[in-house]
Amino acid sequence: MIIYNVTVSIDEGVHDEWLNWMKEVHIPDVMNTEMFIEAKISRILAEEEGGKSYSIMYLCKNMETLELYQEKHAPRLQQEHSKRYANRFAAFRTLLEVKESF
């Protein structure tokens, strides 16, 4: 299993609208690609000046599936986010390979 983690720091001025959009539009759009098994959004519990940070974790079955998502769907979905929240967020992505679950 692969965890595709997107960490986003969002400006306080658009936080509530962004969080609602993520839950109601963006994450469902990502899940509708049928490339992921589940998604979770978590608030990062750290003090930051001017914004709040979140981790959005998408679980997929293998790297091939993730690569297909990145090729066919990610550019459009990332562009929608970037256009909507230009200059109001910072984001980075991390890939994790699940070795074992307990």
PDB file of N, CA and C in Angstrom:
ATOM      1  N   MET A   1       0.838  -1.181   0.000  1.00  0.00           N
ATOM      2  CA  MET A   1       0.000   0.000   0.000  1.00  0.00           C
ATOM      3  C   MET A   1       0.884   1.245   0.000  1.00  0.00           C
ATOM      4  N   ILE A   2       0.381   2.271  -0.640  1.00  0.00           N
ATOM      5  CA  ILE A   2       1.083   3.550  -0.737  1.00  0.00           C
ATOM      6  C   ILE A   2       0.194   4.638  -0.138  1.00  0.00           C
ATOM      7  N   ILE A   3       0.795   5.483   0.688  1.00  0.00           N
ATOM      8  CA  ILE A   3       0.103   6.667   1.193  1.00  0.00           C
ATOM      9  C   ILE A   3       0.656   7.867   0.430  1.00  0.00           C
ATOM     10  N   TYR A   4      -0.248   8.561  -0.217  1.00  0.00           N
ATOM     11  CA  TYR A   4       0.069   9.808  -0.915  1.00  0.00           C
ATOM     12  C   TYR A   4      -0.403  10.910   0.017  1.00  0.00           C
ATOM     13  N   ASN A   5       0.545  11.582   0.647  1.00  0.00           N
ATOM     14  CA  ASN A   5       0.219  12.590   1.647  1.00  0.00           C
ATOM     15  C   ASN A   5       0.462  13.986   1.086  1.00  0.00           C
ATOM     16  N   VAL A   6      -0.540  14.836   1.204  1.00  0.00           N
ATOM     17  CA  VAL A   6      -0.424  16.231   0.777  1.00  0.00           C
ATOM     18  C   VAL A   6      -0.545  17.093   2.035  1.00  0.00           C
ATOM     19  N   THR A   7       0.499  17.844   2.334  1.00  0.00           N
ATOM     20  CA  THR A   7       0.491  18.744   3.479  1.00  0.00           C
ATOM     21  C   THR A   7       0.248  20.151   2.956  1.00  0.00           C
ATOM     22  N   VAL A   8      -0.766  20.806   3.526  1.00  0.00           N
ATOM     23  CA  VAL A   8      -1.162  22.141   3.068  1.00  0.00           C
ATOM     24  C   VAL A   8      -1.202  23.088   4.254  1.00  0.00           C
ATOM     25  N   SER A   9      -0.561  24.231   4.087  1.00  0.00           N
ATOM     26  CA  SER A   9      -0.692  25.336   5.029  1.00  0.00           C
ATOM     27  C   SER A   9      -1.562  26.373   4.338  1.00  0.00           C
ATOM     28  N   ILE A  10      -2.710  26.670   4.941  1.00  0.00           N
ATOM     29  CA  ILE A  10      -3.687  27.554   4.303  1.00  0.00           C
ATOM     30  C   ILE A  10      -3.819  28.853   5.086  1.00  0.00           C
ATOM     31  N   ASP A  11      -3.911  29.946   4.384  1.00  0.00           N
ATOM     32  CA  ASP A  11      -4.060  31.272   4.978  1.00  0.00           C
ATOM     33  C   ASP A  11      -5.326  31.336   5.829  1.00  0.00           C
ATOM     34  N   GLU A  12      -5.201  31.944   6.979  1.00  0.00           N
ATOM     35  CA  GLU A  12      -6.325  32.063   7.916  1.00  0.00           C
ATOM     36  C   GLU A  12      -7.547  32.742   7.280  1.00  0.00           C
ATOM     37  N   GLY A  13      -7.316  33.684   6.387  1.00  0.00           N
ATOM     38  CA  GLY A  13      -8.414  34.434   5.773  1.00  0.00           C
ATOM     39  C   GLY A  13      -9.327  33.612   4.872  1.00  0.00           C
ATOM     40  N   VAL A  14      -8.832  32.486   4.381  1.00  0.00           N
ATOM     41  CA  VAL A  14      -9.656  31.627   3.516  1.00  0.00           C
ATOM     42  C   VAL A  14      -9.839  30.232   4.114  1.00  0.00           C
ATOM     43  N   HIS A  15      -9.378  30.046   5.335  1.00  0.00           N
ATOM     44  CA  HIS A  15      -9.381  28.714   5.954  1.00  0.00           C
ATOM     45  C   HIS A  15     -10.739  28.021   5.929  1.00  0.00           C
ATOM     46  N   ASP A  16     -11.770  28.675   6.439  1.00  0.00           N
ATOM     47  CA  ASP A  16     -13.078  28.010   6.557  1.00  0.00           C
ATOM     48  C   ASP A  16     -13.636  27.636   5.193  1.00  0.00           C
ATOM     49  N   GLU A  17     -13.531  28.549   4.235  1.00  0.00           N
ATOM     50  CA  GLU A  17     -14.023  28.271   2.888  1.00  0.00           C
ATOM     51  C   GLU A  17     -13.212  27.152   2.246  1.00  0.00           C
ATOM     52  N   TRP A  18     -11.881  27.162   2.429  1.00  0.00           N
ATOM     53  CA  TRP A  18     -11.004  26.126   1.884  1.00  0.00           C
ATOM     54  C   TRP A  18     -11.343  24.751   2.466  1.00  0.00           C
ATOM     55  N   LEU A  19     -11.496  24.696   3.782  1.00  0.00           N
ATOM     56  CA  LEU A  19     -11.786  23.411   4.431  1.00  0.00           C
ATOM     57  C   LEU A  19     -13.104  22.837   3.927  1.00  0.00           C
ATOM     58  N   ASN A  20     -14.107  23.679   3.797  1.00  0.00           N
ATOM     59  CA  ASN A  20     -15.390  23.230   3.264  1.00  0.00           C
ATOM     60  C   ASN A  20     -15.227  22.745   1.823  1.00  0.00           C
ATOM     61  N   TRP A  21     -14.502  23.497   0.987  1.00  0.00           N
ATOM     62  CA  TRP A  21     -14.285  23.114  -0.401  1.00  0.00           C
ATOM     63  C   TRP A  21     -13.520  21.795  -0.494  1.00  0.00           C
ATOM     64  N   MET A  22     -12.538  21.625   0.369  1.00  0.00           N
ATOM     65  CA  MET A  22     -11.778  20.367   0.366  1.00  0.00           C
ATOM     66  C   MET A  22     -12.691  19.185   0.670  1.00  0.00           C
ATOM     67  N   LYS A  23     -13.532  19.331   1.697  1.00  0.00           N
ATOM     68  CA  LYS A  23     -14.404  18.227   2.116  1.00  0.00           C
ATOM     69  C   LYS A  23     -15.553  17.983   1.144  1.00  0.00           C
ATOM     70  N   GLU A  24     -16.092  19.049   0.578  1.00  0.00           N
ATOM     71  CA  GLU A  24     -17.280  18.914  -0.269  1.00  0.00           C
ATOM     72  C   GLU A  24     -16.967  18.729  -1.762  1.00  0.00           C
ATOM     73  N   VAL A  25     -15.800  19.213  -2.211  1.00  0.00           N
ATOM     74  CA  VAL A  25     -15.510  19.202  -3.650  1.00  0.00           C
ATOM     75  C   VAL A  25     -14.206  18.460  -3.965  1.00  0.00           C
ATOM     76  N   HIS A  26     -13.090  18.967  -3.457  1.00  0.00           N
ATOM     77  CA  HIS A  26     -11.786  18.462  -3.906  1.00  0.00           C
ATOM     78  C   HIS A  26     -11.531  16.999  -3.543  1.00  0.00           C
ATOM     79  N   ILE A  27     -11.661  16.666  -2.280  1.00  0.00           N
ATOM     80  CA  ILE A  27     -11.402  15.276  -1.882  1.00  0.00           C
ATOM     81  C   ILE A  27     -12.386  14.323  -2.571  1.00  0.00           C
ATOM     82  N   PRO A  28     -13.688  14.646  -2.642  1.00  0.00           N
ATOM     83  CA  PRO A  28     -14.577  13.775  -3.426  1.00  0.00           C
ATOM     84  C   PRO A  28     -14.153  13.654  -4.893  1.00  0.00           C
ATOM     85  N   ASP A  29     -13.668  14.744  -5.504  1.00  0.00           N
ATOM     86  CA  ASP A  29     -13.187  14.667  -6.881  1.00  0.00           C
ATOM     87  C   ASP A  29     -11.999  13.716  -7.006  1.00  0.00           C
ATOM     88  N   VAL A  30     -11.079  13.794  -6.056  1.00  0.00           N
ATOM     89  CA  VAL A  30      -9.931  12.878  -6.063  1.00  0.00           C
ATOM     90  C   VAL A  30     -10.412  11.434  -5.901  1.00  0.00           C
ATOM     91  N   MET A  31     -11.323  11.209  -4.976  1.00  0.00           N
ATOM     92  CA  MET A  31     -11.814   9.852  -4.740  1.00  0.00           C
ATOM     93  C   MET A  31     -12.614   9.333  -5.941  1.00  0.00           C
ATOM     94  N   ASN A  32     -13.266  10.212  -6.665  1.00  0.00           N
ATOM     95  CA  ASN A  32     -14.036   9.805  -7.846  1.00  0.00           C
ATOM     96  C   ASN A  32     -13.157   9.328  -9.004  1.00  0.00           C
ATOM     97  N   THR A  33     -11.849   9.549  -8.917  1.00  0.00           N
ATOM     98  CA  THR A  33     -10.944   8.999  -9.927  1.00  0.00           C
ATOM     99  C   THR A  33     -10.827   7.486  -9.785  1.00  0.00           C
ATOM    100  N   GLU A  34     -11.255   6.966  -8.652  1.00  0.00           N
ATOM    101  CA  GLU A  34     -11.209   5.533  -8.335  1.00  0.00           C
ATOM    102  C   GLU A  34      -9.784   4.987  -8.262  1.00  0.00           C
ATOM    103  N   MET A  35      -8.831   5.865  -7.979  1.00  0.00           N
ATOM    104  CA  MET A  35      -7.442   5.455  -7.831  1.00  0.00           C
ATOM    105  C   MET A  35      -7.075   5.179  -6.375  1.00  0.00           C
ATOM    106  N   PHE A  36      -7.922   5.635  -5.447  1.00  0.00           N
ATOM    107  CA  PHE A  36      -7.605   5.531  -4.025  1.00  0.00           C
ATOM    108  C   PHE A  36      -8.661   4.736  -3.274  1.00  0.00           C
ATOM    109  N   ILE A  37      -8.212   4.083  -2.228  1.00  0.00           N
ATOM    110  CA  ILE A  37      -9.070   3.242  -1.395  1.00  0.00           C
ATOM    111  C   ILE A  37      -9.787   4.073  -0.337  1.00  0.00           C
ATOM    112  N   GLU A  38      -9.071   5.034   0.238  1.00  0.00           N
ATOM    113  CA  GLU A  38      -9.659   5.914   1.253  1.00  0.00           C
ATOM    114  C   GLU A  38      -8.867   7.201   1.341  1.00  0.00           C
ATOM    115  N   ALA A  39      -9.472   8.185   1.979  1.00  0.00           N
ATOM    116  CA  ALA A  39      -8.816   9.474   2.201  1.00  0.00           C
ATOM    117  C   ALA A  39      -9.131   9.939   3.620  1.00  0.00           C
ATOM    118  N   LYS A  40      -8.174  10.642   4.199  1.00  0.00           N
ATOM    119  CA  LYS A  40      -8.356  11.231   5.530  1.00  0.00           C
ATOM    120  C   LYS A  40      -7.778  12.639   5.499  1.00  0.00           C
ATOM    121  N   ILE A  41      -8.468  13.550   6.154  1.00  0.00           N
ATOM    122  CA  ILE A  41      -7.917  14.898   6.321  1.00  0.00           C
ATOM    123  C   ILE A  41      -7.733  15.112   7.819  1.00  0.00           C
ATOM    124  N   SER A  42      -6.534  15.572   8.183  1.00  0.00           N
ATOM    125  CA  SER A  42      -6.191  15.765   9.594  1.00  0.00           C
ATOM    126  C   SER A  42      -5.605  17.146   9.791  1.00  0.00           C
ATOM    127  N   ARG A  43      -5.989  17.793  10.865  1.00  0.00           N
ATOM    128  CA  ARG A  43      -5.392  19.082  11.226  1.00  0.00           C
ATOM    129  C   ARG A  43      -4.066  18.822  11.908  1.00  0.00           C
ATOM    130  N   ILE A  44      -3.032  19.518  11.501  1.00  0.00           N
ATOM    131  CA  ILE A  44      -1.724  19.409  12.141  1.00  0.00           C
ATOM    132  C   ILE A  44      -1.746  20.311  13.365  1.00  0.00           C
ATOM    133  N   LEU A  45      -1.493  19.721  14.504  1.00  0.00           N
ATOM    134  CA  LEU A  45      -1.610  20.440  15.771  1.00  0.00           C
ATOM    135  C   LEU A  45      -0.303  21.159  16.100  1.00  0.00           C
ATOM    136  N   ALA A  46      -0.068  22.233  15.399  1.00  0.00           N
ATOM    137  CA  ALA A  46       1.109  23.074  15.623  1.00  0.00           C
ATOM    138  C   ALA A  46       0.697  24.517  15.405  1.00  0.00           C
ATOM    139  N   GLU A  47       1.250  25.395  16.191  1.00  0.00           N
ATOM    140  CA  GLU A  47       0.960  26.816  16.055  1.00  0.00           C
ATOM    141  C   GLU A  47       1.709  27.375  14.852  1.00  0.00           C
ATOM    142  N   GLU A  48       0.995  28.074  13.979  1.00  0.00           N
ATOM    143  CA  GLU A  48       1.618  28.723  12.837  1.00  0.00           C
ATOM    144  C   GLU A  48       1.056  30.124  12.711  1.00  0.00           C
ATOM    145  N   GLU A  49       1.921  31.052  12.421  1.00  0.00           N
ATOM    146  CA  GLU A  49       1.488  32.430  12.263  1.00  0.00           C
ATOM    147  C   GLU A  49       0.813  32.612  10.910  1.00  0.00           C
ATOM    148  N   GLY A  50      -0.439  33.078  10.919  1.00  0.00           N
ATOM    149  CA  GLY A  50      -1.133  33.417   9.692  1.00  0.00           C
ATOM    150  C   GLY A  50      -1.870  32.298   8.998  1.00  0.00           C
ATOM    151  N   GLY A  51      -1.820  31.082   9.531  1.00  0.00           N
ATOM    152  CA  GLY A  51      -2.520  30.005   8.846  1.00  0.00           C
ATOM    153  C   GLY A  51      -2.630  28.743   9.674  1.00  0.00           C
ATOM    154  N   LYS A  52      -3.264  27.757   9.087  1.00  0.00           N
ATOM    155  CA  LYS A  52      -3.420  26.446   9.704  1.00  0.00           C
ATOM    156  C   LYS A  52      -2.931  25.410   8.715  1.00  0.00           C
ATOM    157  N   SER A  53      -2.453  24.284   9.248  1.00  0.00           N
ATOM    158  CA  SER A  53      -1.909  23.248   8.383  1.00  0.00           C
ATOM    159  C   SER A  53      -2.693  21.951   8.503  1.00  0.00           C
ATOM    160  N   TYR A  54      -2.774  21.253   7.366  1.00  0.00           N
ATOM    161  CA  TYR A  54      -3.514  19.994   7.278  1.00  0.00           C
ATOM    162  C   TYR A  54      -2.693  18.964   6.530  1.00  0.00           C
ATOM    163  N   SER A  55      -2.944  17.715   6.862  1.00  0.00           N
ATOM    164  CA  SER A  55      -2.409  16.581   6.125  1.00  0.00           C
ATOM    165  C   SER A  55      -3.595  15.866   5.494  1.00  0.00           C
ATOM    166  N   ILE A  56      -3.536  15.694   4.184  1.00  0.00           N
ATOM    167  CA  ILE A  56      -4.573  14.934   3.490  1.00  0.00           C
ATOM    168  C   ILE A  56      -3.895  13.666   2.985  1.00  0.00           C
ATOM    169  N   MET A  57      -4.346  12.517   3.505  1.00  0.00           N
ATOM    170  CA  MET A  57      -3.732  11.230   3.177  1.00  0.00           C
ATOM    171  C   MET A  57      -4.667  10.418   2.298  1.00  0.00           C
ATOM    172  N   TYR A  58      -4.128  10.001   1.168  1.00  0.00           N
ATOM    173  CA  TYR A  58      -4.854   9.149   0.232  1.00  0.00           C
ATOM    174  C   TYR A  58      -4.142   7.797   0.187  1.00  0.00           C
ATOM    175  N   LEU A  59      -4.891   6.734   0.368  1.00  0.00           N
ATOM    176  CA  LEU A  59      -4.327   5.388   0.367  1.00  0.00           C
ATOM    177  C   LEU A  59      -4.626   4.700  -0.955  1.00  0.00           C
ATOM    178  N   CYS A  60      -3.576   4.209  -1.620  1.00  0.00           N
ATOM    179  CA  CYS A  60      -3.792   3.449  -2.853  1.00  0.00           C
ATOM    180  C   CYS A  60      -3.053   2.118  -2.780  1.00  0.00           C
ATOM    181  N   LYS A  61      -3.437   1.191  -3.656  1.00  0.00           N
ATOM    182  CA  LYS A  61      -2.950  -0.184  -3.519  1.00  0.00           C
ATOM    183  C   LYS A  61      -1.505  -0.380  -3.944  1.00  0.00           C
ATOM    184  N   ASN A  62      -0.991   0.445  -4.880  1.00  0.00           N
ATOM    185  CA  ASN A  62       0.392   0.251  -5.333  1.00  0.00           C
ATOM    186  C   ASN A  62       0.902   1.488  -6.070  1.00  0.00           C
ATOM    187  N   MET A  63       2.201   1.479  -6.372  1.00  0.00           N
ATOM    188  CA  MET A  63       2.828   2.618  -7.055  1.00  0.00           C
ATOM    189  C   MET A  63       2.288   2.794  -8.471  1.00  0.00           C
ATOM    190  N   GLU A  64       1.948   1.708  -9.138  1.00  0.00           N
ATOM    191  CA  GLU A  64       1.427   1.804 -10.493  1.00  0.00           C
ATOM    192  C   GLU A  64       0.131   2.611 -10.521  1.00  0.00           C
ATOM    193  N   THR A  65      -0.716   2.368  -9.535  1.00  0.00           N
ATOM    194  CA  THR A  65      -1.972   3.107  -9.440  1.00  0.00           C
ATOM    195  C   THR A  65      -1.703   4.578  -9.167  1.00  0.00           C
ATOM    196  N   LEU A  66      -0.775   4.854  -8.269  1.00  0.00           N
ATOM    197  CA  LEU A  66      -0.436   6.246  -7.970  1.00  0.00           C
ATOM    198  C   LEU A  66       0.132   6.946  -9.199  1.00  0.00           C
ATOM    199  N   GLU A  67       1.008   6.276  -9.914  1.00  0.00           N
ATOM    200  CA  GLU A  67       1.592   6.870 -11.124  1.00  0.00           C
ATOM    201  C   GLU A  67       0.523   7.155 -12.174  1.00  0.00           C
ATOM    202  N   LEU A  68      -0.453   6.271 -12.290  1.00  0.00           N
ATOM    203  CA  LEU A  68      -1.561   6.503 -13.219  1.00  0.00           C
ATOM    204  C   LEU A  68      -2.368   7.733 -12.792  1.00  0.00           C
ATOM    205  N   TYR A  69      -2.627   7.859 -11.488  1.00  0.00           N
ATOM    206  CA  TYR A  69      -3.325   9.041 -10.966  1.00  0.00           C
ATOM    207  C   TYR A  69      -2.529  10.305 -11.297  1.00  0.00           C
ATOM    208  N   GLN A  70      -1.227  10.268 -11.030  1.00  0.00           N
ATOM    209  CA  GLN A  70      -0.395  11.447 -11.258  1.00  0.00           C
ATOM    210  C   GLN A  70      -0.345  11.832 -12.730  1.00  0.00           C
ATOM    211  N   GLU A  71      -0.413  10.862 -13.601  1.00  0.00           N
ATOM    212  CA  GLU A  71      -0.373  11.126 -15.038  1.00  0.00           C
ATOM    213  C   GLU A  71      -1.711  11.639 -15.574  1.00  0.00           C
ATOM    214  N   LYS A  72      -2.812  11.006 -15.158  1.00  0.00           N
ATOM    215  CA  LYS A  72      -4.117  11.289 -15.766  1.00  0.00           C
ATOM    216  C   LYS A  72      -4.964  12.310 -15.026  1.00  0.00           C
ATOM    217  N   HIS A  73      -4.811  12.417 -13.710  1.00  0.00           N
ATOM    218  CA  HIS A  73      -5.746  13.224 -12.931  1.00  0.00           C
ATOM    219  C   HIS A  73      -5.110  14.363 -12.127  1.00  0.00           C
ATOM    220  N   ALA A  74      -3.923  14.124 -11.571  1.00  0.00           N
ATOM    221  CA  ALA A  74      -3.323  15.093 -10.654  1.00  0.00           C
ATOM    222  C   ALA A  74      -3.140  16.488 -11.265  1.00  0.00           C
ATOM    223  N   PRO A  75      -2.646  16.616 -12.499  1.00  0.00           N
ATOM    224  CA  PRO A  75      -2.435  17.983 -13.026  1.00  0.00           C
ATOM    225  C   PRO A  75      -3.708  18.834 -12.996  1.00  0.00           C
ATOM    226  N   ARG A  76      -4.818  18.273 -13.430  1.00  0.00           N
ATOM    227  CA  ARG A  76      -6.082  19.024 -13.455  1.00  0.00           C
ATOM    228  C   ARG A  76      -6.543  19.379 -12.035  1.00  0.00           C
ATOM    229  N   LEU A  77      -6.495  18.409 -11.130  1.00  0.00           N
ATOM    230  CA  LEU A  77      -6.979  18.645  -9.768  1.00  0.00           C
ATOM    231  C   LEU A  77      -6.078  19.619  -9.016  1.00  0.00           C
ATOM    232  N   GLN A  78      -4.779  19.508  -9.206  1.00  0.00           N
ATOM    233  CA  GLN A  78      -3.856  20.441  -8.553  1.00  0.00           C
ATOM    234  C   GLN A  78      -4.017  21.852  -9.124  1.00  0.00           C
ATOM    235  N   GLN A  79      -4.266  21.944 -10.417  1.00  0.00           N
ATOM    236  CA  GLN A  79      -4.465  23.255 -11.038  1.00  0.00           C
ATOM    237  C   GLN A  79      -5.717  23.933 -10.494  1.00  0.00           C
ATOM    238  N   GLU A  80      -6.795  23.164 -10.317  1.00  0.00           N
ATOM    239  CA  GLU A  80      -8.025  23.732  -9.754  1.00  0.00           C
ATOM    240  C   GLU A  80      -7.752  24.326  -8.369  1.00  0.00           C
ATOM    241  N   HIS A  81      -7.016  23.581  -7.546  1.00  0.00           N
ATOM    242  CA  HIS A  81      -6.682  24.060  -6.196  1.00  0.00           C
ATOM    243  C   HIS A  81      -5.803  25.297  -6.270  1.00  0.00           C
ATOM    244  N   SER A  82      -4.773  25.236  -7.090  1.00  0.00           N
ATOM    245  CA  SER A  82      -3.835  26.359  -7.200  1.00  0.00           C
ATOM    246  C   SER A  82      -4.505  27.622  -7.711  1.00  0.00           C
ATOM    247  N   LYS A  83      -5.384  27.474  -8.684  1.00  0.00           N
ATOM    248  CA  LYS A  83      -6.084  28.632  -9.239  1.00  0.00           C
ATOM    249  C   LYS A  83      -7.023  29.249  -8.205  1.00  0.00           C
ATOM    250  N   ARG A  84      -7.733  28.397  -7.491  1.00  0.00           N
ATOM    251  CA  ARG A  84      -8.721  28.862  -6.522  1.00  0.00           C
ATOM    252  C   ARG A  84      -8.065  29.561  -5.321  1.00  0.00           C
ATOM    253  N   TYR A  85      -6.915  29.059  -4.889  1.00  0.00           N
ATOM    254  CA  TYR A  85      -6.265  29.582  -3.677  1.00  0.00           C
ATOM    255  C   TYR A  85      -4.870  30.153  -3.956  1.00  0.00           C
ATOM    256  N   ALA A  86      -4.683  30.725  -5.116  1.00  0.00           N
ATOM    257  CA  ALA A  86      -3.389  31.294  -5.501  1.00  0.00           C
ATOM    258  C   ALA A  86      -2.873  32.255  -4.431  1.00  0.00           C
ATOM    259  N   ASN A  87      -1.628  32.086  -4.072  1.00  0.00           N
ATOM    260  CA  ASN A  87      -0.937  32.930  -3.089  1.00  0.00           C
ATOM    261  C   ASN A  87      -1.539  32.867  -1.687  1.00  0.00           C
ATOM    262  N   ARG A  88      -2.388  31.877  -1.425  1.00  0.00           N
ATOM    263  CA  ARG A  88      -3.022  31.752  -0.104  1.00  0.00           C
ATOM    264  C   ARG A  88      -2.657  30.438   0.585  1.00  0.00           C
ATOM    265  N   PHE A  89      -1.773  29.633  -0.033  1.00  0.00           N
ATOM    266  CA  PHE A  89      -1.414  28.342   0.539  1.00  0.00           C
ATOM    267  C   PHE A  89       0.008  27.955   0.144  1.00  0.00           C
ATOM    268  N   ALA A  90       0.538  27.009   0.886  1.00  0.00           N
ATOM    269  CA  ALA A  90       1.785  26.330   0.525  1.00  0.00           C
ATOM    270  C   ALA A  90       1.510  24.844   0.683  1.00  0.00           C
ATOM    271  N   ALA A  91       2.059  24.042  -0.210  1.00  0.00           N
ATOM    272  CA  ALA A  91       1.799  22.606  -0.150  1.00  0.00           C
ATOM    273  C   ALA A  91       3.038  21.820  -0.546  1.00  0.00           C
ATOM    274  N   PHE A  92       3.152  20.632   0.034  1.00  0.00           N
ATOM    275  CA  PHE A  92       4.158  19.685  -0.435  1.00  0.00           C
ATOM    276  C   PHE A  92       3.596  18.280  -0.308  1.00  0.00           C
ATOM    277  N   ARG A  93       4.144  17.390  -1.108  1.00  0.00           N
ATOM    278  CA  ARG A  93       3.644  16.021  -1.181  1.00  0.00           C
ATOM    279  C   ARG A  93       4.705  15.044  -0.715  1.00  0.00           C
ATOM    280  N   THR A  94       4.261  13.986  -0.052  1.00  0.00           N
ATOM    281  CA  THR A  94       5.142  12.943   0.446  1.00  0.00           C
ATOM    282  C   THR A  94       4.546  11.593   0.093  1.00  0.00           C
ATOM    283  N   LEU A  95       5.386  10.665  -0.337  1.00  0.00           N
ATOM    284  CA  LEU A  95       4.947   9.297  -0.595  1.00  0.00           C
ATOM    285  C   LEU A  95       5.490   8.397   0.500  1.00  0.00           C
ATOM    286  N   LEU A  96       4.604   7.545   1.017  1.00  0.00           N
ATOM    287  CA  LEU A  96       5.004   6.594   2.039  1.00  0.00           C
ATOM    288  C   LEU A  96       4.572   5.199   1.613  1.00  0.00           C
ATOM    289  N   GLU A  97       5.435   4.238   1.854  1.00  0.00           N
ATOM    290  CA  GLU A  97       5.093   2.850   1.576  1.00  0.00           C
ATOM    291  C   GLU A  97       4.753   2.176   2.896  1.00  0.00           C
ATOM    292  N   VAL A  98       3.541   1.645   2.989  1.00  0.00           N
ATOM    293  CA  VAL A  98       3.122   0.941   4.201  1.00  0.00           C
ATOM    294  C   VAL A  98       3.798  -0.419   4.214  1.00  0.00           C
ATOM    295  N   LYS A  99       4.567  -0.675   5.240  1.00  0.00           N
ATOM    296  CA  LYS A  99       5.267  -1.942   5.368  1.00  0.00           C
ATOM    297  C   LYS A  99       4.459  -2.965   6.153  1.00  0.00           C
ATOM    298  N   GLU A 100       3.716  -2.471   7.137  1.00  0.00           N
ATOM    299  CA  GLU A 100       2.950  -3.376   7.979  1.00  0.00           C
ATOM    300  C   GLU A 100       1.910  -2.579   8.761  1.00  0.00           C
ATOM    301  N   SER A 101       0.766  -3.198   8.962  1.00  0.00           N
ATOM    302  CA  SER A 101      -0.273  -2.590   9.795  1.00  0.00           C
ATOM    303  C   SER A 101      -0.480  -3.477  11.012  1.00  0.00           C
ATOM    304  N   PHE A 102      -0.807  -2.859  12.118  1.00  0.00           N
ATOM    305  CA  PHE A 102      -1.005  -3.621  13.368  1.00  0.00           C
ATOM    306  C   PHE A 102      -2.391  -3.367  13.911  1.00  0.00           C
TER     307      PHE A 102
END
